[in-house]
Amino acid sequence: MTKSTAQQTGHPADRVDLPLVLLWSLVVISGTVNFVASFDGGSLWVQSVCGVVTAAGLTGLVLRRVRRRR
């Protein structure tokens, strides 16, 4: 099956879930920045903002998971 055929069929496994990709990217990037800021002696506000962003991203992932189960 070629890529164009897969797009024409619209099979759910062939679609990219953009919000899911963005949420995971947000969690990974903010977690990494928080990790580096913590060990590098970064300011408290950078660590706090990164922590809040990471928590918000994880909350979004959990909410998506719970909604899909229903």
PDB file of N, CA and C in Angstrom:
ATOM      1  N   MET A   1       0.850  -1.165   0.000  1.00  0.00           N
ATOM      2  CA  MET A   1       0.000   0.000   0.000  1.00  0.00           C
ATOM      3  C   MET A   1       0.900   1.233   0.000  1.00  0.00           C
ATOM      4  N   THR A   2       0.697   2.095  -0.930  1.00  0.00           N
ATOM      5  CA  THR A   2       1.502   3.309  -1.011  1.00  0.00           C
ATOM      6  C   THR A   2       0.956   4.353  -0.058  1.00  0.00           C
ATOM      7  N   LYS A   3       1.726   5.390   0.136  1.00  0.00           N
ATOM      8  CA  LYS A   3       1.310   6.456   1.042  1.00  0.00           C
ATOM      9  C   LYS A   3       0.021   7.114   0.559  1.00  0.00           C
ATOM     10  N   SER A   4      -0.093   7.326  -0.739  1.00  0.00           N
ATOM     11  CA  SER A   4      -1.305   7.966  -1.255  1.00  0.00           C
ATOM     12  C   SER A   4      -2.526   7.079  -1.064  1.00  0.00           C
ATOM     13  N   THR A   5      -2.351   5.771  -1.188  1.00  0.00           N
ATOM     14  CA  THR A   5      -3.462   4.847  -0.965  1.00  0.00           C
ATOM     15  C   THR A   5      -3.879   4.860   0.499  1.00  0.00           C
ATOM     16  N   ALA A   6      -2.901   4.927   1.405  1.00  0.00           N
ATOM     17  CA  ALA A   6      -3.209   4.959   2.831  1.00  0.00           C
ATOM     18  C   ALA A   6      -3.966   6.234   3.194  1.00  0.00           C
ATOM     19  N   GLN A   7      -3.616   7.344   2.573  1.00  0.00           N
ATOM     20  CA  GLN A   7      -4.318   8.582   2.848  1.00  0.00           C
ATOM     21  C   GLN A   7      -5.730   8.546   2.287  1.00  0.00           C
ATOM     22  N   GLN A   8      -5.925   7.876   1.186  1.00  0.00           N
ATOM     23  CA  GLN A   8      -7.247   7.811   0.584  1.00  0.00           C
ATOM     24  C   GLN A   8      -8.185   6.933   1.395  1.00  0.00           C
ATOM     25  N   THR A   9      -7.667   5.869   1.980  1.00  0.00           N
ATOM     26  CA  THR A   9      -8.522   4.972   2.751  1.00  0.00           C
ATOM     27  C   THR A   9      -8.939   5.608   4.062  1.00  0.00           C
ATOM     28  N   GLY A  10      -8.100   6.490   4.618  1.00  0.00           N
ATOM     29  CA  GLY A  10      -8.441   7.151   5.861  1.00  0.00           C
ATOM     30  C   GLY A  10      -8.408   6.229   7.063  1.00  0.00           C
ATOM     31  N   HIS A  11      -7.586   5.215   7.005  1.00  0.00           N
ATOM     32  CA  HIS A  11      -7.459   4.279   8.118  1.00  0.00           C
ATOM     33  C   HIS A  11      -6.989   5.039   9.357  1.00  0.00           C
ATOM     34  N   PRO A  12      -7.629   4.845  10.529  1.00  0.00           N
ATOM     35  CA  PRO A  12      -7.270   5.595  11.731  1.00  0.00           C
ATOM     36  C   PRO A  12      -5.807   5.434  12.148  1.00  0.00           C
ATOM     37  N   ALA A  13      -5.213   4.284  11.890  1.00  0.00           N
ATOM     38  CA  ALA A  13      -3.823   4.066  12.286  1.00  0.00           C
ATOM     39  C   ALA A  13      -2.856   4.865  11.420  1.00  0.00           C
ATOM     40  N   ASP A  14      -3.306   5.321  10.270  1.00  0.00           N
ATOM     41  CA  ASP A  14      -2.446   6.080   9.377  1.00  0.00           C
ATOM     42  C   ASP A  14      -2.445   7.577   9.669  1.00  0.00           C
ATOM     43  N   ARG A  15      -3.347   8.039  10.496  1.00  0.00           N
ATOM     44  CA  ARG A  15      -3.452   9.464  10.802  1.00  0.00           C
ATOM     45  C   ARG A  15      -2.512   9.842  11.941  1.00  0.00           C
ATOM     46  N   VAL A  16      -1.981  11.048  11.869  1.00  0.00           N
ATOM     47  CA  VAL A  16      -1.141  11.578  12.935  1.00  0.00           C
ATOM     48  C   VAL A  16      -2.034  12.364  13.881  1.00  0.00           C
ATOM     49  N   ASP A  17      -1.942  12.044  15.164  1.00  0.00           N
ATOM     50  CA  ASP A  17      -2.722  12.741  16.183  1.00  0.00           C
ATOM     51  C   ASP A  17      -1.907  13.955  16.636  1.00  0.00           C
ATOM     52  N   LEU A  18      -2.092  15.086  15.944  1.00  0.00           N
ATOM     53  CA  LEU A  18      -1.287  16.273  16.171  1.00  0.00           C
ATOM     54  C   LEU A  18      -1.351  16.788  17.614  1.00  0.00           C
ATOM     55  N   PRO A  19      -2.522  16.885  18.241  1.00  0.00           N
ATOM     56  CA  PRO A  19      -2.534  17.341  19.641  1.00  0.00           C
ATOM     57  C   PRO A  19      -1.726  16.433  20.567  1.00  0.00           C
ATOM     58  N   LEU A  20      -1.774  15.134  20.318  1.00  0.00           N
ATOM     59  CA  LEU A  20      -1.010  14.204  21.138  1.00  0.00           C
ATOM     60  C   LEU A  20       0.489  14.415  20.947  1.00  0.00           C
ATOM     61  N   VAL A  21       0.910  14.600  19.716  1.00  0.00           N
ATOM     62  CA  VAL A  21       2.324  14.850  19.426  1.00  0.00           C
ATOM     63  C   VAL A  21       2.775  16.155  20.078  1.00  0.00           C
ATOM     64  N   LEU A  22       1.936  17.183  19.995  1.00  0.00           N
ATOM     65  CA  LEU A  22       2.295  18.472  20.592  1.00  0.00           C
ATOM     66  C   LEU A  22       2.359  18.396  22.117  1.00  0.00           C
ATOM     67  N   LEU A  23       1.431  17.682  22.726  1.00  0.00           N
ATOM     68  CA  LEU A  23       1.461  17.538  24.185  1.00  0.00           C
ATOM     69  C   LEU A  23       2.713  16.797  24.649  1.00  0.00           C
ATOM     70  N   TRP A  24       3.046  15.699  23.963  1.00  0.00           N
ATOM     71  CA  TRP A  24       4.247  14.957  24.343  1.00  0.00           C
ATOM     72  C   TRP A  24       5.505  15.796  24.129  1.00  0.00           C
ATOM     73  N   SER A  25       5.536  16.546  23.037  1.00  0.00           N
ATOM     74  CA  SER A  25       6.689  17.415  22.783  1.00  0.00           C
ATOM     75  C   SER A  25       6.812  18.474  23.873  1.00  0.00           C
ATOM     76  N   LEU A  26       5.701  19.053  24.263  1.00  0.00           N
ATOM     77  CA  LEU A  26       5.693  20.051  25.326  1.00  0.00           C
ATOM     78  C   LEU A  26       6.214  19.474  26.637  1.00  0.00           C
ATOM     79  N   VAL A  27       5.749  18.287  26.983  1.00  0.00           N
ATOM     80  CA  VAL A  27       6.181  17.648  28.237  1.00  0.00           C
ATOM     81  C   VAL A  27       7.677  17.336  28.201  1.00  0.00           C
ATOM     82  N   VAL A  28       8.153  16.789  27.099  1.00  0.00           N
ATOM     83  CA  VAL A  28       9.565  16.426  27.003  1.00  0.00           C
ATOM     84  C   VAL A  28      10.459  17.669  27.026  1.00  0.00           C
ATOM     85  N   ILE A  29      10.099  18.689  26.265  1.00  0.00           N
ATOM     86  CA  ILE A  29      10.931  19.893  26.207  1.00  0.00           C
ATOM     87  C   ILE A  29      10.928  20.622  27.545  1.00  0.00           C
ATOM     88  N   SER A  30       9.757  20.823  28.135  1.00  0.00           N
ATOM     89  CA  SER A  30       9.708  21.540  29.407  1.00  0.00           C
ATOM     90  C   SER A  30      10.356  20.734  30.529  1.00  0.00           C
ATOM     91  N   GLY A  31      10.211  19.428  30.493  1.00  0.00           N
ATOM     92  CA  GLY A  31      10.881  18.595  31.498  1.00  0.00           C
ATOM     93  C   GLY A  31      12.394  18.645  31.363  1.00  0.00           C
ATOM     94  N   THR A  32      12.882  18.649  30.135  1.00  0.00           N
ATOM     95  CA  THR A  32      14.320  18.731  29.905  1.00  0.00           C
ATOM     96  C   THR A  32      14.873  20.083  30.342  1.00  0.00           C
ATOM     97  N   VAL A  33      14.176  21.153  29.986  1.00  0.00           N
ATOM     98  CA  VAL A  33      14.613  22.491  30.404  1.00  0.00           C
ATOM     99  C   VAL A  33      14.596  22.599  31.920  1.00  0.00           C
ATOM    100  N   ASN A  34      13.578  22.053  32.559  1.00  0.00           N
ATOM    101  CA  ASN A  34      13.502  22.067  34.020  1.00  0.00           C
ATOM    102  C   ASN A  34      14.658  21.280  34.634  1.00  0.00           C
ATOM    103  N   PHE A  35      14.974  20.135  34.057  1.00  0.00           N
ATOM    104  CA  PHE A  35      16.083  19.313  34.538  1.00  0.00           C
ATOM    105  C   PHE A  35      17.401  20.068  34.444  1.00  0.00           C
ATOM    106  N   VAL A  36      17.640  20.683  33.295  1.00  0.00           N
ATOM    107  CA  VAL A  36      18.885  21.427  33.093  1.00  0.00           C
ATOM    108  C   VAL A  36      18.936  22.639  34.017  1.00  0.00           C
ATOM    109  N   ALA A  37      17.827  23.349  34.157  1.00  0.00           N
ATOM    110  CA  ALA A  37      17.803  24.527  35.026  1.00  0.00           C
ATOM    111  C   ALA A  37      18.021  24.147  36.484  1.00  0.00           C
ATOM    112  N   SER A  38      17.528  22.995  36.882  1.00  0.00           N
ATOM    113  CA  SER A  38      17.700  22.559  38.269  1.00  0.00           C
ATOM    114  C   SER A  38      19.160  22.247  38.581  1.00  0.00           C
ATOM    115  N   PHE A  39      19.834  21.565  37.668  1.00  0.00           N
ATOM    116  CA  PHE A  39      21.215  21.195  37.922  1.00  0.00           C
ATOM    117  C   PHE A  39      22.204  22.302  37.581  1.00  0.00           C
ATOM    118  N   ASP A  40      21.778  23.239  36.749  1.00  0.00           N
ATOM    119  CA  ASP A  40      22.657  24.328  36.341  1.00  0.00           C
ATOM    120  C   ASP A  40      22.558  25.517  37.286  1.00  0.00           C
ATOM    121  N   GLY A  41      21.650  25.454  38.231  1.00  0.00           N
ATOM    122  CA  GLY A  41      21.473  26.570  39.152  1.00  0.00           C
ATOM    123  C   GLY A  41      20.663  27.695  38.542  1.00  0.00           C
ATOM    124  N   GLY A  42      19.747  27.346  37.669  1.00  0.00           N
ATOM    125  CA  GLY A  42      18.889  28.342  37.032  1.00  0.00           C
ATOM    126  C   GLY A  42      17.995  29.021  38.048  1.00  0.00           C
ATOM    127  N   SER A  43      17.447  30.150  37.645  1.00  0.00           N
ATOM    128  CA  SER A  43      16.611  30.906  38.568  1.00  0.00           C
ATOM    129  C   SER A  43      15.337  30.139  38.911  1.00  0.00           C
ATOM    130  N   LEU A  44      14.780  30.509  40.038  1.00  0.00           N
ATOM    131  CA  LEU A  44      13.602  29.814  40.544  1.00  0.00           C
ATOM    132  C   LEU A  44      12.399  30.002  39.624  1.00  0.00           C
ATOM    133  N   TRP A  45      12.274  31.161  38.993  1.00  0.00           N
ATOM    134  CA  TRP A  45      11.108  31.398  38.145  1.00  0.00           C
ATOM    135  C   TRP A  45      11.146  30.515  36.903  1.00  0.00           C
ATOM    136  N   VAL A  46      12.349  30.238  36.359  1.00  0.00           N
ATOM    137  CA  VAL A  46      12.460  29.351  35.196  1.00  0.00           C
ATOM    138  C   VAL A  46      12.038  27.940  35.588  1.00  0.00           C
ATOM    139  N   GLN A  47      12.511  27.488  36.729  1.00  0.00           N
ATOM    140  CA  GLN A  47      12.152  26.156  37.195  1.00  0.00           C
ATOM    141  C   GLN A  47      10.652  26.053  37.479  1.00  0.00           C
ATOM    142  N   SER A  48      10.084  27.103  38.054  1.00  0.00           N
ATOM    143  CA  SER A  48       8.650  27.100  38.376  1.00  0.00           C
ATOM    144  C   SER A  48       7.794  27.083  37.111  1.00  0.00           C
ATOM    145  N   VAL A  49       8.149  27.918  36.145  1.00  0.00           N
ATOM    146  CA  VAL A  49       7.392  27.964  34.894  1.00  0.00           C
ATOM    147  C   VAL A  49       7.478  26.621  34.175  1.00  0.00           C
ATOM    148  N   CYS A  50       8.668  26.061  34.118  1.00  0.00           N
ATOM    149  CA  CYS A  50       8.827  24.756  33.463  1.00  0.00           C
ATOM    150  C   CYS A  50       8.026  23.678  34.187  1.00  0.00           C
ATOM    151  N   GLY A  51       7.998  23.725  35.500  1.00  0.00           N
ATOM    152  CA  GLY A  51       7.225  22.759  36.268  1.00  0.00           C
ATOM    153  C   GLY A  51       5.739  22.884  36.006  1.00  0.00           C
ATOM    154  N   VAL A  52       5.250  24.104  35.933  1.00  0.00           N
ATOM    155  CA  VAL A  52       3.828  24.326  35.660  1.00  0.00           C
ATOM    156  C   VAL A  52       3.480  23.871  34.247  1.00  0.00           C
ATOM    157  N   VAL A  53       4.335  24.170  33.278  1.00  0.00           N
ATOM    158  CA  VAL A  53       4.086  23.760  31.893  1.00  0.00           C
ATOM    159  C   VAL A  53       4.100  22.235  31.781  1.00  0.00           C
ATOM    160  N   THR A  54       5.058  21.594  32.448  1.00  0.00           N
ATOM    161  CA  THR A  54       5.127  20.130  32.435  1.00  0.00           C
ATOM    162  C   THR A  54       3.870  19.525  33.062  1.00  0.00           C
ATOM    163  N   ALA A  55       3.449  20.081  34.196  1.00  0.00           N
ATOM    164  CA  ALA A  55       2.247  19.579  34.867  1.00  0.00           C
ATOM    165  C   ALA A  55       1.010  19.779  33.994  1.00  0.00           C
ATOM    166  N   ALA A  56       0.925  20.917  33.310  1.00  0.00           N
ATOM    167  CA  ALA A  56      -0.224  21.167  32.426  1.00  0.00           C
ATOM    168  C   ALA A  56      -0.234  20.187  31.256  1.00  0.00           C
ATOM    169  N   GLY A  57       0.937  19.918  30.687  1.00  0.00           N
ATOM    170  CA  GLY A  57       1.025  18.961  29.585  1.00  0.00           C
ATOM    171  C   GLY A  57       0.637  17.555  30.019  1.00  0.00           C
ATOM    172  N   LEU A  58       1.112  17.147  31.183  1.00  0.00           N
ATOM    173  CA  LEU A  58       0.758  15.823  31.696  1.00  0.00           C
ATOM    174  C   LEU A  58      -0.733  15.730  32.003  1.00  0.00           C
ATOM    175  N   THR A  59      -1.295  16.809  32.534  1.00  0.00           N
ATOM    176  CA  THR A  59      -2.735  16.833  32.795  1.00  0.00           C
ATOM    177  C   THR A  59      -3.518  16.687  31.491  1.00  0.00           C
ATOM    178  N   GLY A  60      -3.062  17.357  30.450  1.00  0.00           N
ATOM    179  CA  GLY A  60      -3.709  17.231  29.145  1.00  0.00           C
ATOM    180  C   GLY A  60      -3.641  15.819  28.609  1.00  0.00           C
ATOM    181  N   LEU A  61      -2.490  15.165  28.782  1.00  0.00           N
ATOM    182  CA  LEU A  61      -2.352  13.775  28.328  1.00  0.00           C
ATOM    183  C   LEU A  61      -3.277  12.841  29.105  1.00  0.00           C
ATOM    184  N   VAL A  62      -3.372  13.040  30.404  1.00  0.00           N
ATOM    185  CA  VAL A  62      -4.246  12.195  31.228  1.00  0.00           C
ATOM    186  C   VAL A  62      -5.711  12.411  30.846  1.00  0.00           C
ATOM    187  N   LEU A  63      -6.097  13.666  30.654  1.00  0.00           N
ATOM    188  CA  LEU A  63      -7.485  13.945  30.275  1.00  0.00           C
ATOM    189  C   LEU A  63      -7.842  13.322  28.931  1.00  0.00           C
ATOM    190  N   ARG A  64      -6.926  13.375  27.970  1.00  0.00           N
ATOM    191  CA  ARG A  64      -7.180  12.744  26.672  1.00  0.00           C
ATOM    192  C   ARG A  64      -7.360  11.241  26.834  1.00  0.00           C
ATOM    193  N   ARG A  65      -6.536  10.642  27.680  1.00  0.00           N
ATOM    194  CA  ARG A  65      -6.612   9.199  27.896  1.00  0.00           C
ATOM    195  C   ARG A  65      -7.937   8.801  28.551  1.00  0.00           C
ATOM    196  N   VAL A  66      -8.348   9.577  29.552  1.00  0.00           N
ATOM    197  CA  VAL A  66      -9.598   9.275  30.256  1.00  0.00           C
ATOM    198  C   VAL A  66     -10.791   9.438  29.314  1.00  0.00           C
ATOM    199  N   ARG A  67     -10.780  10.470  28.481  1.00  0.00           N
ATOM    200  CA  ARG A  67     -11.892  10.696  27.558  1.00  0.00           C
ATOM    201  C   ARG A  67     -11.984   9.613  26.496  1.00  0.00           C
ATOM    202  N   ARG A  68     -10.863   9.057  26.090  1.00  0.00           N
ATOM    203  CA  ARG A  68     -10.890   7.997  25.075  1.00  0.00           C
ATOM    204  C   ARG A  68     -11.431   6.694  25.627  1.00  0.00           C
ATOM    205  N   ARG A  69     -11.297   6.465  26.905  1.00  0.00           N
ATOM    206  CA  ARG A  69     -11.796   5.220  27.505  1.00  0.00           C
ATOM    207  C   ARG A  69     -13.314   5.185  27.540  1.00  0.00           C
ATOM    208  N   ARG A  70     -13.935   6.334  27.528  1.00  0.00           N
ATOM    209  CA  ARG A  70     -15.405   6.390  27.648  1.00  0.00           C
ATOM    210  C   ARG A  70     -16.071   6.111  26.369  1.00  0.00           C
TER     211      ARG A  70
END
